Structures are given as structure tokens and as C-alpha cells.
Amino acid sequence: MVNDTHQYVTPTHPHTPTRPSALREETEVGEPTPTAPGEPQPPHAPHPPHPPHPKLKAHDLTRTFGRTPRTVQALGPLDLTVAPGEFVCVVGPSGCGKSTLLRIAAGLLRPSTGTLEIRTSNRRPAAMIFQDYGIYDWKTVRANVRFGLDIQRVPRREANTRADDWLARMALSDFADAYPATLSGGMRQRVAIARALAVEPELLLMDEPPPLP
């Protein structure tokens, strides 16, 4: 069963129709070429497989902050399609709306107009690594990594096991009981990465992604 858990539908801007895709044209096969009597019929070319449903699809997506007359158009209108298993980089100048797009995909912001859909069977399909890491100074490193699991009500013993596994992968096991203020910047990055991966997300959203260790 597929649920669009992050589906925002609001009035959209008029959309200009696009040319039919090459795949559509290839599937519209005409009549077979006639052959002479007795000659074998040429085999029909197999139809190309249908492309998979997009994992994420944004259409005419916009986000505006503030009120008239001092509104700021932070994003869009934007069309974007991401296939399952696809690795996508969004590149643009500062202030063009990259972080806003990721926050909408993560369910942290609502769009002003347009739609964003995520095909998933998971209630919380996305995890985000924030530009400023977004870890909590009053929580230990282990508690920060476990945070998403706690929200999902994963039993504490299992949550600690999964958090410790990711701490080991990030070479942070010796700092499990430390607080973020005692860590270097690179170590704080690794805490943020471990927290995002511990929940085993279907979509990993990375704002100004750091180099993975």
C-alpha cells in the first residue's frame, strides 16, 4: 500500500504543456511493414518498460515569506522529479531556495502554492542533515543520534543499539556520553549524519552536505 504522506496541494500557476516524451513516441508503434508471401514476419520490437513512479515530485512549487507589500519569494515556481534510488544535487546561488525546498520535502514547511508528493509506505520517509547540523547542546552525543528513533517511539534498548552502531561507524563511540560543546566541528557533523542515518530514511536530505567520513 502506497501513501503520499507528504502531499501538499494548493492553487498552482498555469503550467505550459511540454512535448511528449521520447518514451511515449517510441511506444506508439504503427502497422508492421508488409512482407512478401512466404517470408517470415519480422519480430515485433518489445515495448520499453514503463519508468518507475517518481519517489519525489514537485510541480509549480513556490514558497513566499512575509506579508504584502514586504513579501519575499524564496522559492519557485519549481518542477522537480526524483526517481527511486536517484542521487540528485540541487545547485544554485545563495538565497535561491535550496534550503526551503529541502525543508518542504522534510515536512518542516508548507508550500505557498504548488504540490510536492513523496511516494512512500513510511509515515516519516525523510531525514535531513541541516546546514548548521541542528544538534542539541543539552543532549549527549548518543541522545542526539537517538533523537529521531525516540520520536518514532522505538524501544529504548533497540534505539540505543542502533545509535551505538552508527556512532561506531562514524568513529564516535568514545564520545557517546559527551556533549556537543566538547566536540570539534567535524565531529558535530558526524553526529548529525549518524542521527539522520539511524532512522533508516527512504529520502536523505542534505543541506550544504559535508564530506562523508
N, C-alpha and C. Protein backbone atom coordinates (compact mmCIF):
# COMPACT_ATOMS: atom_id res chain seq x y z
N MET A 1 0.86 -1.20 0.00
CA MET A 1 0.00 0.00 0.00
C MET A 1 0.89 1.24 0.00
N VAL A 2 0.56 2.15 -0.89
CA VAL A 2 1.38 3.35 -1.04
C VAL A 2 0.61 4.55 -0.53
N ASN A 3 1.21 5.33 0.32
CA ASN A 3 0.60 6.53 0.85
C ASN A 3 1.47 7.73 0.49
N ASP A 4 0.84 8.81 0.08
CA ASP A 4 1.56 10.05 -0.14
C ASP A 4 1.56 10.82 1.17
N THR A 5 2.50 10.51 2.04
CA THR A 5 2.45 11.08 3.37
C THR A 5 2.78 12.55 3.38
N HIS A 6 3.57 13.00 2.42
CA HIS A 6 3.87 14.42 2.32
C HIS A 6 3.30 14.92 1.01
N GLN A 7 2.01 15.18 0.98
CA GLN A 7 1.38 15.68 -0.23
C GLN A 7 0.70 16.99 0.11
N TYR A 8 1.20 18.07 -0.47
CA TYR A 8 0.65 19.39 -0.25
C TYR A 8 0.00 19.86 -1.54
N VAL A 9 -1.26 20.19 -1.49
CA VAL A 9 -1.99 20.60 -2.69
C VAL A 9 -2.56 21.99 -2.44
N THR A 10 -2.14 22.94 -3.25
CA THR A 10 -2.62 24.31 -3.16
C THR A 10 -2.81 24.83 -4.56
N PRO A 11 -3.50 25.98 -4.77
CA PRO A 11 -3.66 26.51 -6.13
C PRO A 11 -2.31 26.70 -6.80
N THR A 12 -2.25 26.33 -8.06
CA THR A 12 -0.99 26.38 -8.79
C THR A 12 -1.05 27.42 -9.89
N HIS A 13 0.14 27.79 -10.39
CA HIS A 13 0.24 28.68 -11.52
C HIS A 13 -0.07 27.92 -12.81
N PRO A 14 -0.50 28.58 -13.88
CA PRO A 14 -0.70 27.88 -15.15
C PRO A 14 0.59 27.22 -15.58
N HIS A 15 0.46 26.01 -16.11
CA HIS A 15 1.65 25.24 -16.49
C HIS A 15 1.68 25.09 -18.01
N THR A 16 2.78 25.40 -18.63
CA THR A 16 2.91 25.28 -20.07
C THR A 16 3.09 23.82 -20.45
N PRO A 17 2.25 23.27 -21.36
CA PRO A 17 2.41 21.86 -21.73
C PRO A 17 3.77 21.61 -22.34
N THR A 18 4.32 20.46 -22.08
CA THR A 18 5.61 20.10 -22.64
C THR A 18 5.42 19.08 -23.76
N ARG A 19 6.44 18.94 -24.57
CA ARG A 19 6.40 17.99 -25.66
C ARG A 19 6.35 16.58 -25.12
N PRO A 20 5.57 15.68 -25.73
CA PRO A 20 5.54 14.30 -25.26
C PRO A 20 6.94 13.70 -25.21
N SER A 21 7.16 12.84 -24.24
CA SER A 21 8.49 12.27 -24.05
C SER A 21 8.83 11.30 -25.16
N ALA A 22 10.14 11.05 -25.30
CA ALA A 22 10.61 10.09 -26.30
C ALA A 22 10.04 8.71 -26.04
N LEU A 23 9.88 8.37 -24.78
CA LEU A 23 9.34 7.06 -24.44
C LEU A 23 7.93 6.93 -24.98
N ARG A 24 7.13 7.97 -24.86
CA ARG A 24 5.76 7.93 -25.36
C ARG A 24 5.76 7.75 -26.87
N GLU A 25 6.64 8.44 -27.58
CA GLU A 25 6.69 8.33 -29.04
C GLU A 25 7.12 6.94 -29.47
N GLU A 26 8.04 6.33 -28.75
CA GLU A 26 8.53 5.01 -29.13
C GLU A 26 7.47 3.94 -28.94
N THR A 27 6.56 4.14 -28.01
CA THR A 27 5.55 3.12 -27.75
C THR A 27 4.40 3.20 -28.73
N GLU A 28 4.30 4.28 -29.47
CA GLU A 28 3.23 4.42 -30.45
C GLU A 28 3.70 3.80 -31.76
N VAL A 29 3.67 2.46 -31.83
CA VAL A 29 4.18 1.72 -32.98
C VAL A 29 3.10 1.63 -34.02
N GLY A 30 3.43 1.90 -35.28
CA GLY A 30 2.46 1.84 -36.36
C GLY A 30 2.27 0.42 -36.87
N GLU A 31 1.64 0.30 -38.05
CA GLU A 31 1.41 -1.00 -38.65
C GLU A 31 2.72 -1.65 -39.05
N PRO A 32 2.84 -3.00 -38.96
CA PRO A 32 4.07 -3.66 -39.37
C PRO A 32 4.31 -3.52 -40.87
N THR A 33 5.57 -3.50 -41.26
CA THR A 33 5.93 -3.38 -42.67
C THR A 33 5.52 -4.64 -43.41
N PRO A 34 4.78 -4.52 -44.55
CA PRO A 34 4.34 -5.71 -45.29
C PRO A 34 5.54 -6.50 -45.79
N THR A 35 5.41 -7.82 -45.86
CA THR A 35 6.45 -8.70 -46.39
C THR A 35 5.87 -9.55 -47.50
N ALA A 36 6.76 -10.10 -48.35
CA ALA A 36 6.32 -10.94 -49.45
C ALA A 36 5.75 -12.24 -48.92
N PRO A 37 4.84 -12.90 -49.69
CA PRO A 37 4.28 -14.19 -49.24
C PRO A 37 5.39 -15.20 -48.97
N GLY A 38 5.27 -15.93 -47.88
CA GLY A 38 6.24 -16.95 -47.54
C GLY A 38 7.40 -16.45 -46.69
N GLU A 39 7.62 -15.16 -46.66
CA GLU A 39 8.71 -14.62 -45.85
C GLU A 39 8.27 -14.55 -44.39
N PRO A 40 9.20 -14.85 -43.51
CA PRO A 40 8.81 -14.78 -42.08
C PRO A 40 8.54 -13.34 -41.68
N GLN A 41 7.60 -13.21 -40.80
CA GLN A 41 7.26 -11.88 -40.29
C GLN A 41 8.36 -11.42 -39.34
N PRO A 42 8.78 -10.16 -39.46
CA PRO A 42 9.80 -9.66 -38.53
C PRO A 42 9.23 -9.61 -37.12
N PRO A 43 10.06 -9.95 -36.14
CA PRO A 43 9.55 -9.92 -34.75
C PRO A 43 9.23 -8.49 -34.33
N HIS A 44 8.21 -8.39 -33.54
CA HIS A 44 7.85 -7.07 -33.03
C HIS A 44 8.85 -6.66 -31.95
N ALA A 45 9.28 -5.42 -32.03
CA ALA A 45 10.19 -4.92 -31.00
C ALA A 45 9.46 -4.84 -29.67
N PRO A 46 10.08 -5.30 -28.62
CA PRO A 46 9.40 -5.23 -27.31
C PRO A 46 9.21 -3.78 -26.88
N HIS A 47 8.09 -3.58 -26.22
CA HIS A 47 7.83 -2.23 -25.70
C HIS A 47 8.80 -1.93 -24.57
N PRO A 48 9.32 -0.72 -24.55
CA PRO A 48 10.22 -0.38 -23.43
C PRO A 48 9.45 -0.40 -22.12
N PRO A 49 10.12 -0.76 -21.04
CA PRO A 49 9.42 -0.81 -19.75
C PRO A 49 8.98 0.57 -19.31
N HIS A 50 7.87 0.58 -18.59
CA HIS A 50 7.39 1.85 -18.07
C HIS A 50 8.35 2.36 -17.00
N PRO A 51 8.62 3.65 -17.00
CA PRO A 51 9.52 4.18 -15.97
C PRO A 51 8.88 4.05 -14.60
N PRO A 52 9.67 3.90 -13.54
CA PRO A 52 9.09 3.77 -12.19
C PRO A 52 8.43 5.07 -11.78
N HIS A 53 7.46 4.95 -10.89
CA HIS A 53 6.84 6.15 -10.34
C HIS A 53 7.90 6.97 -9.62
N PRO A 54 7.87 8.29 -9.77
CA PRO A 54 8.88 9.10 -9.08
C PRO A 54 8.75 8.97 -7.57
N LYS A 55 9.90 8.98 -6.92
CA LYS A 55 9.90 8.96 -5.45
C LYS A 55 9.44 10.30 -4.91
N LEU A 56 9.90 11.36 -5.54
CA LEU A 56 9.52 12.73 -5.16
C LEU A 56 9.15 13.48 -6.42
N LYS A 57 8.05 14.21 -6.35
CA LYS A 57 7.61 15.00 -7.50
C LYS A 57 7.07 16.34 -7.01
N ALA A 58 7.70 17.41 -7.48
CA ALA A 58 7.23 18.76 -7.17
C ALA A 58 6.72 19.40 -8.45
N HIS A 59 5.60 20.10 -8.35
CA HIS A 59 5.00 20.75 -9.51
C HIS A 59 4.59 22.17 -9.15
N ASP A 60 5.14 23.14 -9.90
CA ASP A 60 4.82 24.56 -9.68
C ASP A 60 4.94 24.95 -8.21
N LEU A 61 5.97 24.44 -7.56
CA LEU A 61 6.15 24.64 -6.12
C LEU A 61 6.71 26.03 -5.84
N THR A 62 6.08 26.76 -4.92
CA THR A 62 6.56 28.07 -4.51
C THR A 62 6.48 28.20 -2.99
N ARG A 63 7.30 29.10 -2.47
CA ARG A 63 7.20 29.45 -1.05
C ARG A 63 7.50 30.93 -0.91
N THR A 64 6.59 31.63 -0.26
CA THR A 64 6.72 33.06 -0.03
C THR A 64 6.71 33.32 1.47
N PHE A 65 7.59 34.21 1.92
CA PHE A 65 7.63 34.60 3.32
C PHE A 65 7.20 36.05 3.46
N GLY A 66 6.63 36.39 4.61
CA GLY A 66 6.20 37.77 4.85
C GLY A 66 4.82 38.05 4.31
N ARG A 67 4.41 39.30 4.47
CA ARG A 67 3.10 39.75 4.02
C ARG A 67 3.24 40.92 3.07
N THR A 68 2.24 41.06 2.20
CA THR A 68 2.23 42.17 1.26
C THR A 68 2.27 43.49 2.03
N PRO A 69 3.06 44.48 1.61
CA PRO A 69 3.86 44.52 0.38
C PRO A 69 5.30 44.06 0.57
N ARG A 70 5.64 43.48 1.73
CA ARG A 70 7.02 43.10 2.01
C ARG A 70 7.20 41.59 1.95
N THR A 71 6.72 40.99 0.90
CA THR A 71 6.88 39.55 0.75
C THR A 71 8.20 39.22 0.06
N VAL A 72 8.72 38.05 0.39
CA VAL A 72 9.95 37.55 -0.22
C VAL A 72 9.63 36.24 -0.92
N GLN A 73 9.87 36.21 -2.21
CA GLN A 73 9.67 34.98 -2.97
C GLN A 73 10.91 34.11 -2.79
N ALA A 74 10.83 33.14 -1.88
CA ALA A 74 12.01 32.35 -1.52
C ALA A 74 12.24 31.17 -2.45
N LEU A 75 11.19 30.71 -3.12
CA LEU A 75 11.33 29.51 -3.95
C LEU A 75 10.32 29.52 -5.07
N GLY A 76 10.79 29.09 -6.25
CA GLY A 76 9.92 28.74 -7.35
C GLY A 76 9.42 29.87 -8.21
N PRO A 77 8.50 29.46 -9.11
CA PRO A 77 7.89 28.13 -9.23
C PRO A 77 8.90 27.09 -9.72
N LEU A 78 8.80 25.88 -9.16
CA LEU A 78 9.78 24.82 -9.40
C LEU A 78 9.07 23.53 -9.75
N ASP A 79 9.59 22.85 -10.80
CA ASP A 79 9.19 21.49 -11.13
C ASP A 79 10.40 20.59 -10.92
N LEU A 80 10.21 19.46 -10.24
CA LEU A 80 11.32 18.55 -9.97
C LEU A 80 10.77 17.14 -9.82
N THR A 81 11.46 16.18 -10.44
CA THR A 81 11.12 14.78 -10.31
C THR A 81 12.37 14.01 -9.92
N VAL A 82 12.26 13.18 -8.89
CA VAL A 82 13.37 12.35 -8.43
C VAL A 82 12.92 10.90 -8.46
N ALA A 83 13.66 10.06 -9.16
CA ALA A 83 13.33 8.65 -9.29
C ALA A 83 13.81 7.87 -8.07
N PRO A 84 13.23 6.71 -7.80
CA PRO A 84 13.71 5.88 -6.69
C PRO A 84 15.18 5.53 -6.88
N GLY A 85 15.96 5.67 -5.83
CA GLY A 85 17.37 5.34 -5.89
C GLY A 85 18.24 6.38 -6.55
N GLU A 86 17.67 7.49 -6.96
CA GLU A 86 18.43 8.51 -7.68
C GLU A 86 19.15 9.45 -6.71
N PHE A 87 20.35 9.86 -7.09
CA PHE A 87 21.15 10.82 -6.32
C PHE A 87 21.07 12.14 -7.05
N VAL A 88 20.53 13.17 -6.41
CA VAL A 88 20.27 14.46 -7.06
C VAL A 88 20.95 15.57 -6.28
N CYS A 89 21.66 16.44 -6.99
CA CYS A 89 22.24 17.64 -6.39
C CYS A 89 21.49 18.86 -6.91
N VAL A 90 21.07 19.72 -6.02
CA VAL A 90 20.41 20.98 -6.38
C VAL A 90 21.45 22.08 -6.21
N VAL A 91 21.79 22.74 -7.31
CA VAL A 91 22.85 23.73 -7.32
C VAL A 91 22.27 25.10 -7.67
N GLY A 92 22.69 26.13 -6.94
CA GLY A 92 22.22 27.48 -7.25
C GLY A 92 22.86 28.47 -6.31
N PRO A 93 22.72 29.75 -6.62
CA PRO A 93 23.33 30.78 -5.77
C PRO A 93 22.65 30.87 -4.41
N SER A 94 23.34 31.50 -3.48
CA SER A 94 22.78 31.68 -2.14
C SER A 94 21.46 32.44 -2.22
N GLY A 95 20.45 31.96 -1.51
CA GLY A 95 19.16 32.64 -1.47
C GLY A 95 18.19 32.21 -2.55
N CYS A 96 18.53 31.20 -3.35
CA CYS A 96 17.64 30.81 -4.45
C CYS A 96 16.55 29.83 -3.99
N GLY A 97 16.62 29.33 -2.75
CA GLY A 97 15.55 28.48 -2.25
C GLY A 97 15.92 27.02 -2.05
N LYS A 98 17.21 26.69 -2.08
CA LYS A 98 17.61 25.28 -1.92
C LYS A 98 17.20 24.74 -0.55
N SER A 99 17.52 25.47 0.50
CA SER A 99 17.16 25.03 1.85
C SER A 99 15.65 24.99 2.04
N THR A 100 14.95 25.93 1.46
CA THR A 100 13.49 25.96 1.55
C THR A 100 12.89 24.73 0.90
N LEU A 101 13.41 24.34 -0.26
CA LEU A 101 12.93 23.14 -0.93
C LEU A 101 13.12 21.91 -0.05
N LEU A 102 14.30 21.78 0.55
CA LEU A 102 14.57 20.62 1.39
C LEU A 102 13.67 20.60 2.61
N ARG A 103 13.41 21.75 3.19
CA ARG A 103 12.55 21.81 4.38
C ARG A 103 11.11 21.46 4.02
N ILE A 104 10.66 21.81 2.84
CA ILE A 104 9.32 21.41 2.40
C ILE A 104 9.28 19.89 2.21
N ALA A 105 10.32 19.34 1.58
CA ALA A 105 10.37 17.89 1.38
C ALA A 105 10.42 17.14 2.70
N ALA A 106 11.06 17.73 3.70
CA ALA A 106 11.15 17.10 5.02
C ALA A 106 9.88 17.27 5.84
N GLY A 107 8.93 18.05 5.36
CA GLY A 107 7.70 18.27 6.10
C GLY A 107 7.79 19.35 7.16
N LEU A 108 8.84 20.17 7.08
CA LEU A 108 9.03 21.23 8.08
C LEU A 108 8.42 22.56 7.66
N LEU A 109 8.13 22.71 6.37
CA LEU A 109 7.48 23.91 5.85
C LEU A 109 6.37 23.49 4.89
N ARG A 110 5.38 24.33 4.76
CA ARG A 110 4.34 24.12 3.76
C ARG A 110 4.61 25.06 2.58
N PRO A 111 4.34 24.59 1.37
CA PRO A 111 4.49 25.48 0.21
C PRO A 111 3.39 26.53 0.19
N SER A 112 3.68 27.65 -0.46
CA SER A 112 2.65 28.67 -0.64
C SER A 112 1.70 28.27 -1.76
N THR A 113 2.22 27.74 -2.86
CA THR A 113 1.41 27.21 -3.96
C THR A 113 2.13 26.00 -4.52
N GLY A 114 1.41 25.22 -5.31
CA GLY A 114 2.00 24.06 -5.94
C GLY A 114 1.86 22.81 -5.10
N THR A 115 2.47 21.74 -5.57
CA THR A 115 2.37 20.45 -4.89
C THR A 115 3.74 19.81 -4.76
N LEU A 116 3.91 19.05 -3.70
CA LEU A 116 5.08 18.19 -3.54
C LEU A 116 4.58 16.85 -3.00
N GLU A 117 4.89 15.77 -3.72
CA GLU A 117 4.42 14.45 -3.35
C GLU A 117 5.62 13.52 -3.15
N ILE A 118 5.52 12.67 -2.13
CA ILE A 118 6.52 11.64 -1.88
C ILE A 118 5.79 10.31 -1.82
N ARG A 119 6.15 9.37 -2.70
CA ARG A 119 5.54 8.04 -2.68
C ARG A 119 6.27 7.19 -1.65
N THR A 120 5.54 6.75 -0.66
CA THR A 120 6.18 6.01 0.42
C THR A 120 5.15 5.23 1.18
N SER A 121 5.59 4.19 1.87
CA SER A 121 4.74 3.47 2.81
C SER A 121 5.14 3.78 4.24
N ASN A 122 6.07 4.73 4.39
CA ASN A 122 6.61 5.09 5.70
C ASN A 122 5.98 6.40 6.15
N ARG A 123 5.59 6.47 7.42
CA ARG A 123 4.99 7.71 7.92
C ARG A 123 6.00 8.84 7.95
N ARG A 124 7.27 8.53 8.15
CA ARG A 124 8.32 9.55 8.19
C ARG A 124 9.42 9.12 7.22
N PRO A 125 9.25 9.41 5.93
CA PRO A 125 10.16 8.85 4.93
C PRO A 125 11.49 9.58 4.80
N ALA A 126 11.59 10.80 5.32
CA ALA A 126 12.77 11.63 5.06
C ALA A 126 13.50 11.97 6.35
N ALA A 127 14.81 12.07 6.23
CA ALA A 127 15.65 12.60 7.31
C ALA A 127 16.53 13.68 6.70
N MET A 128 16.83 14.69 7.51
CA MET A 128 17.55 15.84 6.98
C MET A 128 18.79 16.14 7.82
N ILE A 129 19.88 16.42 7.10
CA ILE A 129 21.10 16.91 7.74
C ILE A 129 21.14 18.42 7.48
N PHE A 130 21.03 19.19 8.54
CA PHE A 130 20.88 20.64 8.39
C PHE A 130 22.23 21.30 8.15
N GLN A 131 22.15 22.48 7.55
CA GLN A 131 23.35 23.25 7.25
C GLN A 131 24.13 23.59 8.51
N ASP A 132 23.40 23.85 9.61
CA ASP A 132 24.07 24.16 10.88
C ASP A 132 24.07 22.95 11.83
N TYR A 133 23.85 21.76 11.28
CA TYR A 133 23.87 20.46 11.97
C TYR A 133 22.60 20.24 12.80
N GLY A 134 22.11 21.26 13.52
CA GLY A 134 20.85 21.12 14.24
C GLY A 134 20.88 20.12 15.38
N ILE A 135 22.04 19.91 16.00
CA ILE A 135 22.08 19.00 17.14
C ILE A 135 21.86 19.81 18.43
N TYR A 136 21.42 19.11 19.47
CA TYR A 136 21.00 19.78 20.70
C TYR A 136 22.13 19.77 21.72
N ASP A 137 22.50 20.97 22.18
CA ASP A 137 23.63 21.10 23.09
C ASP A 137 23.38 20.46 24.45
N TRP A 138 22.12 20.34 24.86
CA TRP A 138 21.82 19.80 26.19
C TRP A 138 21.64 18.27 26.18
N LYS A 139 21.79 17.65 25.02
CA LYS A 139 21.70 16.20 24.92
C LYS A 139 23.09 15.62 24.67
N THR A 140 23.34 14.43 25.18
CA THR A 140 24.61 13.76 24.91
C THR A 140 24.67 13.37 23.43
N VAL A 141 25.85 12.98 23.00
CA VAL A 141 26.01 12.55 21.61
C VAL A 141 25.09 11.38 21.31
N ARG A 142 25.04 10.40 22.20
CA ARG A 142 24.16 9.25 21.98
C ARG A 142 22.70 9.69 21.91
N ALA A 143 22.28 10.57 22.80
CA ALA A 143 20.89 11.03 22.81
C ALA A 143 20.56 11.81 21.54
N ASN A 144 21.52 12.58 21.03
CA ASN A 144 21.29 13.28 19.76
C ASN A 144 21.09 12.29 18.61
N VAL A 145 21.94 11.28 18.54
CA VAL A 145 21.82 10.30 17.46
C VAL A 145 20.52 9.51 17.60
N ARG A 146 20.07 9.30 18.82
CA ARG A 146 18.86 8.52 19.09
C ARG A 146 17.59 9.35 18.93
N PHE A 147 17.70 10.64 18.72
CA PHE A 147 16.56 11.55 18.79
C PHE A 147 15.44 11.15 17.84
N GLY A 148 15.77 10.89 16.58
CA GLY A 148 14.73 10.51 15.62
C GLY A 148 14.06 9.19 15.99
N LEU A 149 14.81 8.27 16.55
CA LEU A 149 14.24 6.99 16.98
C LEU A 149 13.31 7.18 18.16
N ASP A 150 13.65 8.11 19.06
CA ASP A 150 12.77 8.40 20.19
C ASP A 150 11.44 8.98 19.69
N ILE A 151 11.51 9.85 18.69
CA ILE A 151 10.27 10.41 18.14
C ILE A 151 9.40 9.31 17.53
N GLN A 152 10.04 8.33 16.92
CA GLN A 152 9.31 7.20 16.32
C GLN A 152 8.88 6.16 17.36
N ARG A 153 9.18 6.41 18.62
CA ARG A 153 8.81 5.51 19.71
C ARG A 153 9.44 4.12 19.57
N VAL A 154 10.66 4.10 19.05
CA VAL A 154 11.42 2.86 19.02
C VAL A 154 11.81 2.51 20.46
N PRO A 155 11.66 1.26 20.89
CA PRO A 155 12.04 0.89 22.26
C PRO A 155 13.46 1.32 22.58
N ARG A 156 13.67 1.77 23.81
CA ARG A 156 14.93 2.38 24.19
C ARG A 156 16.13 1.46 23.95
N ARG A 157 15.99 0.18 24.27
CA ARG A 157 17.13 -0.72 24.09
C ARG A 157 17.51 -0.82 22.61
N GLU A 158 16.51 -0.99 21.75
CA GLU A 158 16.79 -1.06 20.32
C GLU A 158 17.34 0.27 19.82
N ALA A 159 16.78 1.38 20.30
CA ALA A 159 17.24 2.70 19.86
C ALA A 159 18.70 2.91 20.26
N ASN A 160 19.06 2.53 21.45
CA ASN A 160 20.46 2.68 21.89
C ASN A 160 21.39 1.81 21.05
N THR A 161 20.94 0.60 20.72
CA THR A 161 21.76 -0.29 19.90
C THR A 161 22.00 0.31 18.52
N ARG A 162 20.94 0.84 17.91
CA ARG A 162 21.10 1.44 16.58
C ARG A 162 21.93 2.71 16.65
N ALA A 163 21.74 3.50 17.69
CA ALA A 163 22.55 4.72 17.83
C ALA A 163 24.02 4.36 18.02
N ASP A 164 24.30 3.38 18.86
CA ASP A 164 25.69 2.99 19.09
C ASP A 164 26.33 2.41 17.84
N ASP A 165 25.53 1.72 17.03
CA ASP A 165 26.07 1.18 15.77
C ASP A 165 26.53 2.31 14.86
N TRP A 166 25.72 3.37 14.76
CA TRP A 166 26.11 4.49 13.89
C TRP A 166 27.22 5.32 14.50
N LEU A 167 27.27 5.40 15.81
CA LEU A 167 28.40 6.07 16.44
C LEU A 167 29.70 5.34 16.12
N ALA A 168 29.66 4.01 16.12
CA ALA A 168 30.85 3.24 15.78
C ALA A 168 31.26 3.48 14.32
N ARG A 169 30.27 3.53 13.44
CA ARG A 169 30.57 3.76 12.02
C ARG A 169 31.18 5.13 11.79
N MET A 170 30.81 6.09 12.62
CA MET A 170 31.32 7.44 12.49
C MET A 170 32.53 7.71 13.39
N ALA A 171 33.07 6.63 13.97
CA ALA A 171 34.25 6.75 14.84
C ALA A 171 34.00 7.70 16.01
N LEU A 172 32.80 7.59 16.60
CA LEU A 172 32.42 8.46 17.72
C LEU A 172 32.06 7.66 18.98
N SER A 173 32.36 6.38 19.01
CA SER A 173 31.95 5.56 20.15
C SER A 173 32.52 6.08 21.47
N ASP A 174 33.73 6.58 21.44
CA ASP A 174 34.36 7.07 22.67
C ASP A 174 33.73 8.36 23.19
N PHE A 175 32.86 8.98 22.39
CA PHE A 175 32.25 10.26 22.77
C PHE A 175 30.73 10.13 22.96
N ALA A 176 30.24 8.90 23.13
CA ALA A 176 28.80 8.69 23.23
C ALA A 176 28.18 9.46 24.38
N ASP A 177 28.90 9.61 25.48
CA ASP A 177 28.34 10.30 26.65
C ASP A 177 28.80 11.76 26.76
N ALA A 178 29.51 12.23 25.76
CA ALA A 178 29.96 13.63 25.75
C ALA A 178 28.84 14.53 25.26
N TYR A 179 29.03 15.84 25.45
CA TYR A 179 28.07 16.83 24.97
C TYR A 179 28.65 17.56 23.77
N PRO A 180 27.79 18.05 22.88
CA PRO A 180 28.28 18.66 21.64
C PRO A 180 29.28 19.79 21.85
N ALA A 181 29.19 20.53 22.95
CA ALA A 181 30.10 21.66 23.17
C ALA A 181 31.55 21.20 23.28
N THR A 182 31.76 19.92 23.60
CA THR A 182 33.12 19.41 23.75
C THR A 182 33.67 18.83 22.45
N LEU A 183 32.89 18.86 21.37
CA LEU A 183 33.28 18.25 20.10
C LEU A 183 33.82 19.28 19.13
N SER A 184 34.65 18.82 18.22
CA SER A 184 35.10 19.68 17.13
C SER A 184 33.99 19.84 16.10
N GLY A 185 34.16 20.77 15.16
CA GLY A 185 33.15 20.97 14.13
C GLY A 185 32.93 19.73 13.29
N GLY A 186 34.02 19.04 12.92
CA GLY A 186 33.87 17.83 12.13
C GLY A 186 33.15 16.73 12.88
N MET A 187 33.38 16.64 14.17
CA MET A 187 32.70 15.62 14.96
C MET A 187 31.21 15.93 15.08
N ARG A 188 30.87 17.20 15.19
CA ARG A 188 29.46 17.58 15.23
C ARG A 188 28.77 17.23 13.91
N GLN A 189 29.48 17.41 12.81
CA GLN A 189 28.94 16.99 11.52
C GLN A 189 28.62 15.51 11.52
N ARG A 190 29.54 14.72 12.06
CA ARG A 190 29.32 13.27 12.06
C ARG A 190 28.17 12.87 12.96
N VAL A 191 27.95 13.61 14.04
CA VAL A 191 26.78 13.35 14.89
C VAL A 191 25.50 13.59 14.08
N ALA A 192 25.46 14.67 13.31
CA ALA A 192 24.28 14.98 12.50
C ALA A 192 24.05 13.90 11.44
N ILE A 193 25.13 13.41 10.84
CA ILE A 193 25.00 12.35 9.83
C ILE A 193 24.48 11.08 10.48
N ALA A 194 25.04 10.71 11.63
CA ALA A 194 24.61 9.50 12.32
C ALA A 194 23.14 9.59 12.72
N ARG A 195 22.71 10.74 13.20
CA ARG A 195 21.30 10.91 13.59
C ARG A 195 20.37 10.69 12.41
N ALA A 196 20.74 11.24 11.25
CA ALA A 196 19.89 11.09 10.07
C ALA A 196 19.83 9.65 9.58
N LEU A 197 20.96 8.96 9.58
CA LEU A 197 21.01 7.60 9.05
C LEU A 197 20.46 6.57 10.02
N ALA A 198 20.44 6.88 11.30
CA ALA A 198 19.95 5.92 12.30
C ALA A 198 18.48 5.57 12.09
N VAL A 199 17.69 6.48 11.52
CA VAL A 199 16.26 6.22 11.32
C VAL A 199 16.00 5.47 10.02
N GLU A 200 17.06 5.17 9.26
CA GLU A 200 16.95 4.43 8.00
C GLU A 200 15.93 5.08 7.06
N PRO A 201 16.18 6.32 6.66
CA PRO A 201 15.19 7.04 5.85
C PRO A 201 15.16 6.55 4.40
N GLU A 202 14.02 6.73 3.78
CA GLU A 202 13.90 6.47 2.34
C GLU A 202 14.50 7.63 1.55
N LEU A 203 14.42 8.82 2.10
CA LEU A 203 14.99 10.02 1.47
C LEU A 203 15.95 10.66 2.46
N LEU A 204 17.19 10.88 2.00
CA LEU A 204 18.17 11.58 2.83
C LEU A 204 18.38 12.96 2.22
N LEU A 205 18.01 13.98 2.96
CA LEU A 205 18.10 15.36 2.51
C LEU A 205 19.29 16.02 3.20
N MET A 206 20.19 16.58 2.41
CA MET A 206 21.43 17.14 2.97
C MET A 206 21.56 18.58 2.50
N ASP A 207 21.52 19.50 3.45
CA ASP A 207 21.66 20.93 3.16
C ASP A 207 23.12 21.33 3.33
N GLU A 208 23.75 21.75 2.24
CA GLU A 208 25.20 22.01 2.25
C GLU A 208 25.94 20.79 2.79
N PRO A 209 25.83 19.64 2.09
CA PRO A 209 26.32 18.39 2.68
C PRO A 209 27.80 18.41 2.96
N PRO A 210 28.19 17.91 4.13
CA PRO A 210 29.61 17.80 4.46
C PRO A 210 30.20 16.57 3.77
N PRO A 211 31.51 16.49 3.64
CA PRO A 211 32.12 15.27 3.11
C PRO A 211 31.91 14.12 4.07
N LEU A 212 31.43 13.00 3.55
CA LEU A 212 31.19 11.85 4.42
C LEU A 212 32.52 11.24 4.84
N PRO A 213 32.62 10.83 6.12
CA PRO A 213 33.89 10.26 6.60
C PRO A 213 34.14 8.89 5.98
